[in-house]
N, C-alpha and C. Protein backbone atom coordinates (compact mmCIF):
# COMPACT_ATOMS: atom_id res chain seq x y z
N ASP A 1 33.19 -31.82 2.14
CA ASP A 1 34.22 -32.61 2.44
C ASP A 1 35.22 -31.78 1.87
N LEU A 2 36.45 -31.65 2.37
CA LEU A 2 37.35 -30.80 2.02
C LEU A 2 38.34 -31.16 2.51
N CYS A 3 39.87 -30.89 1.82
CA CYS A 3 41.22 -31.46 2.63
C CYS A 3 41.85 -30.14 1.89
N ALA A 4 42.49 -29.45 2.85
CA ALA A 4 43.18 -28.06 2.27
C ALA A 4 44.79 -28.71 2.70
N LEU A 5 45.54 -28.51 1.66
CA LEU A 5 46.60 -28.85 1.50
C LEU A 5 48.31 -27.39 2.04
N ALA A 6 49.45 -27.81 2.54
CA ALA A 6 49.69 -26.30 2.83
C ALA A 6 50.70 -26.06 1.60
N ALA A 7 50.68 -25.35 0.92
CA ALA A 7 51.01 -25.38 -0.29
C ALA A 7 52.98 -24.99 -0.02
N GLU A 8 52.99 -24.42 0.61
CA GLU A 8 54.68 -23.66 1.03
C GLU A 8 55.15 -25.35 1.40
N ASP A 9 54.56 -26.24 2.05
CA ASP A 9 54.81 -27.18 1.92
C ASP A 9 55.21 -28.20 0.49
N LEU A 10 54.80 -27.79 -0.23
CA LEU A 10 54.95 -28.39 -1.44
C LEU A 10 55.64 -28.24 -2.24
N ALA A 11 57.13 -28.71 -2.35
CA ALA A 11 58.20 -28.46 -3.18
C ALA A 11 58.26 -29.09 -4.48
N LEU A 12 57.21 -28.96 -5.61
CA LEU A 12 56.86 -29.50 -6.64
C LEU A 12 57.50 -28.73 -7.74
N PRO A 13 58.74 -28.36 -7.93
CA PRO A 13 59.18 -27.53 -9.26
C PRO A 13 58.89 -28.42 -10.23
N GLY A 14 58.24 -27.28 -11.28
CA GLY A 14 58.26 -28.07 -12.77
C GLY A 14 57.32 -29.19 -13.08
N LEU A 15 56.51 -29.30 -11.96
CA LEU A 15 55.30 -30.02 -12.20
C LEU A 15 53.77 -29.19 -12.73
N THR A 16 53.26 -29.68 -13.41
CA THR A 16 51.73 -29.04 -13.91
C THR A 16 50.58 -30.15 -14.18
N GLY A 17 49.85 -29.39 -13.81
CA GLY A 17 48.32 -30.34 -14.13
C GLY A 17 47.85 -31.60 -13.13
N ASP A 18 47.86 -32.68 -13.86
CA ASP A 18 47.59 -33.81 -13.01
C ASP A 18 48.97 -34.30 -12.17
N ALA A 19 50.00 -33.91 -12.96
CA ALA A 19 51.44 -34.28 -12.42
C ALA A 19 51.62 -33.63 -10.58
N ILE A 20 50.88 -32.98 -10.74
CA ILE A 20 50.88 -32.35 -9.32
C ILE A 20 50.46 -32.95 -8.06
N LEU A 21 48.85 -33.47 -8.54
CA LEU A 21 48.40 -34.00 -7.61
C LEU A 21 49.06 -35.27 -7.26
N ASP A 22 49.11 -35.94 -8.76
CA ASP A 22 49.88 -37.40 -8.48
C ASP A 22 51.14 -37.58 -7.39
N SER A 23 52.09 -35.99 -7.53
CA SER A 23 53.01 -36.35 -6.80
C SER A 23 52.92 -36.26 -5.28
N VAL A 24 51.79 -35.06 -5.07
CA VAL A 24 51.46 -34.88 -3.43
C VAL A 24 50.79 -36.30 -3.42
N LEU A 25 50.06 -37.10 -3.81
CA LEU A 25 49.46 -38.05 -3.26
C LEU A 25 50.52 -39.78 -3.07
N PHE A 26 51.15 -39.73 -4.05
CA PHE A 26 52.20 -40.73 -4.47
C PHE A 26 53.55 -40.63 -4.13
N ALA A 27 54.18 -39.63 -4.25
CA ALA A 27 55.27 -39.68 -4.13
C ALA A 27 56.19 -38.62 -2.82
N ARG A 28 55.07 -38.74 -1.64
CA ARG A 28 55.67 -37.76 -0.62
C ARG A 28 55.49 -38.72 0.61
N PRO A 29 56.42 -38.97 1.26
CA PRO A 29 56.15 -39.62 2.81
C PRO A 29 55.22 -39.20 3.66
N ALA A 30 54.98 -38.21 3.56
CA ALA A 30 53.52 -37.15 4.36
C ALA A 30 53.35 -36.14 3.83
N LEU A 31 51.78 -36.30 3.88
CA LEU A 31 51.19 -35.21 3.13
C LEU A 31 51.10 -34.15 4.13
N PRO A 32 51.20 -32.82 3.55
CA PRO A 32 51.31 -31.48 4.43
C PRO A 32 49.73 -31.24 4.31
N VAL A 33 48.62 -31.66 5.04
CA VAL A 33 47.35 -31.26 5.66
C VAL A 33 47.41 -30.34 6.14
N SER A 34 46.63 -29.20 5.93
CA SER A 34 46.58 -27.88 6.99
C SER A 34 45.26 -27.73 7.45
N ASP A 35 44.04 -28.06 6.74
CA ASP A 35 42.96 -28.39 7.11
C ASP A 35 41.97 -29.45 6.23
N VAL A 36 41.21 -30.01 7.43
CA VAL A 36 40.30 -30.99 6.82
C VAL A 36 38.92 -30.68 7.25
N LEU A 37 37.94 -30.50 6.48
CA LEU A 37 36.46 -30.69 6.97
C LEU A 37 35.39 -31.68 6.25
N CYS A 38 35.12 -32.32 7.15
CA CYS A 38 34.18 -33.64 6.89
C CYS A 38 32.63 -33.81 7.42
N ALA A 39 31.93 -33.56 6.75
CA ALA A 39 30.37 -33.63 7.00
C ALA A 39 30.57 -32.20 7.62
N GLY A 40 30.81 -31.10 7.19
CA GLY A 40 30.44 -30.15 7.86
C GLY A 40 31.27 -29.87 9.01
N ARG A 41 32.58 -30.71 9.72
CA ARG A 41 32.80 -30.29 10.70
C ARG A 41 34.38 -30.63 10.21
N TRP A 42 35.02 -29.40 11.10
CA TRP A 42 36.61 -29.32 10.42
C TRP A 42 36.99 -30.32 11.82
N VAL A 43 37.91 -31.13 11.34
CA VAL A 43 38.73 -32.22 12.11
C VAL A 43 39.76 -32.08 11.80
N VAL A 44 40.58 -31.34 11.22
CA VAL A 44 42.11 -30.91 11.44
C VAL A 44 42.26 -29.06 11.09
N ALA A 45 42.83 -28.66 11.64
CA ALA A 45 42.59 -26.86 11.84
C ALA A 45 44.05 -26.75 11.82
N GLY A 46 44.94 -25.89 10.97
CA GLY A 46 45.73 -25.39 11.16
C GLY A 46 47.12 -26.49 11.24
N GLY A 47 46.76 -27.58 10.47
CA GLY A 47 47.54 -28.99 10.59
C GLY A 47 47.56 -29.69 11.87
N ARG A 48 46.69 -29.56 12.78
CA ARG A 48 46.56 -30.50 13.88
C ARG A 48 45.21 -30.94 13.87
N HIS A 49 45.03 -32.11 14.40
CA HIS A 49 43.48 -32.73 14.39
C HIS A 49 42.53 -32.15 15.87
N VAL A 50 41.73 -31.91 15.45
CA VAL A 50 41.01 -30.83 16.84
C VAL A 50 40.74 -31.54 17.89
N ALA A 51 41.04 -33.40 17.73
CA ALA A 51 40.40 -33.98 19.23
C ALA A 51 41.91 -34.51 19.43
N ARG A 52 42.96 -33.79 19.32
CA ARG A 52 44.59 -34.24 19.30
C ARG A 52 44.91 -34.49 20.82
N ASP A 53 44.49 -33.54 21.61
CA ASP A 53 44.69 -34.04 22.85
C ASP A 53 44.35 -35.15 23.54
N ALA A 54 42.72 -35.60 23.14
CA ALA A 54 41.96 -36.37 23.55
C ALA A 54 42.54 -38.01 23.22
N ILE A 55 43.05 -37.71 22.25
CA ILE A 55 43.07 -39.43 21.31
C ILE A 55 44.66 -39.46 22.13
N ALA A 56 45.45 -38.26 22.53
CA ALA A 56 47.07 -38.55 23.06
C ALA A 56 46.83 -38.86 24.15
N ARG A 57 45.56 -38.89 24.94
CA ARG A 57 45.45 -38.97 26.62
C ARG A 57 44.90 -40.47 26.70
N ASP A 58 43.83 -40.72 25.84
CA ASP A 58 43.32 -41.95 25.61
C ASP A 58 44.37 -43.27 24.90
N PHE A 59 45.24 -42.45 24.02
CA PHE A 59 46.46 -43.85 23.96
C PHE A 59 47.08 -44.06 24.84
N ARG A 60 47.72 -43.14 25.70
CA ARG A 60 48.62 -43.14 26.77
C ARG A 60 48.05 -44.00 27.87
N ALA A 61 46.82 -43.60 28.12
CA ALA A 61 45.49 -44.63 29.12
C ALA A 61 45.58 -45.87 28.50
N ALA A 62 45.49 -46.47 27.42
CA ALA A 62 45.31 -47.56 27.02
C ALA A 62 46.21 -48.34 26.54
N MET A 63 47.50 -47.82 26.68
CA MET A 63 48.94 -48.55 26.88
C MET A 63 49.42 -48.64 28.02
N ALA A 64 48.74 -47.94 29.26
CA ALA A 64 48.97 -48.06 30.40
C ALA A 64 48.33 -49.56 30.93
N ARG A 65 46.98 -49.54 30.30
CA ARG A 65 46.57 -50.46 30.60
C ARG A 65 47.06 -51.94 30.22
N LEU A 66 47.66 -51.75 29.31
CA LEU A 66 47.65 -53.09 28.04
C LEU A 66 49.00 -53.33 28.84
N SER A 67 50.04 -52.40 29.42
CA SER A 67 51.32 -52.82 30.12
C SER A 67 51.05 -53.10 31.33
N ALA A 68 49.93 -53.00 32.08
CA ALA A 68 50.04 -53.15 33.56
C ALA A 68 49.86 -54.74 33.89
């Protein structure tokens, strides 16, 4: 498994070593994830979930059923 962060979105001046990881994980409202590889499959590429369109479609359909 692998998770890559977009370094250009990590405004962490003056931090070094473990402080960088701590700041990225615990002091940000959202992680700037660029790519994720899970069990040999890319699930996020270029900052976008590979199934984003299907997930959004299924969510809209579920919401329509719930509000009907």
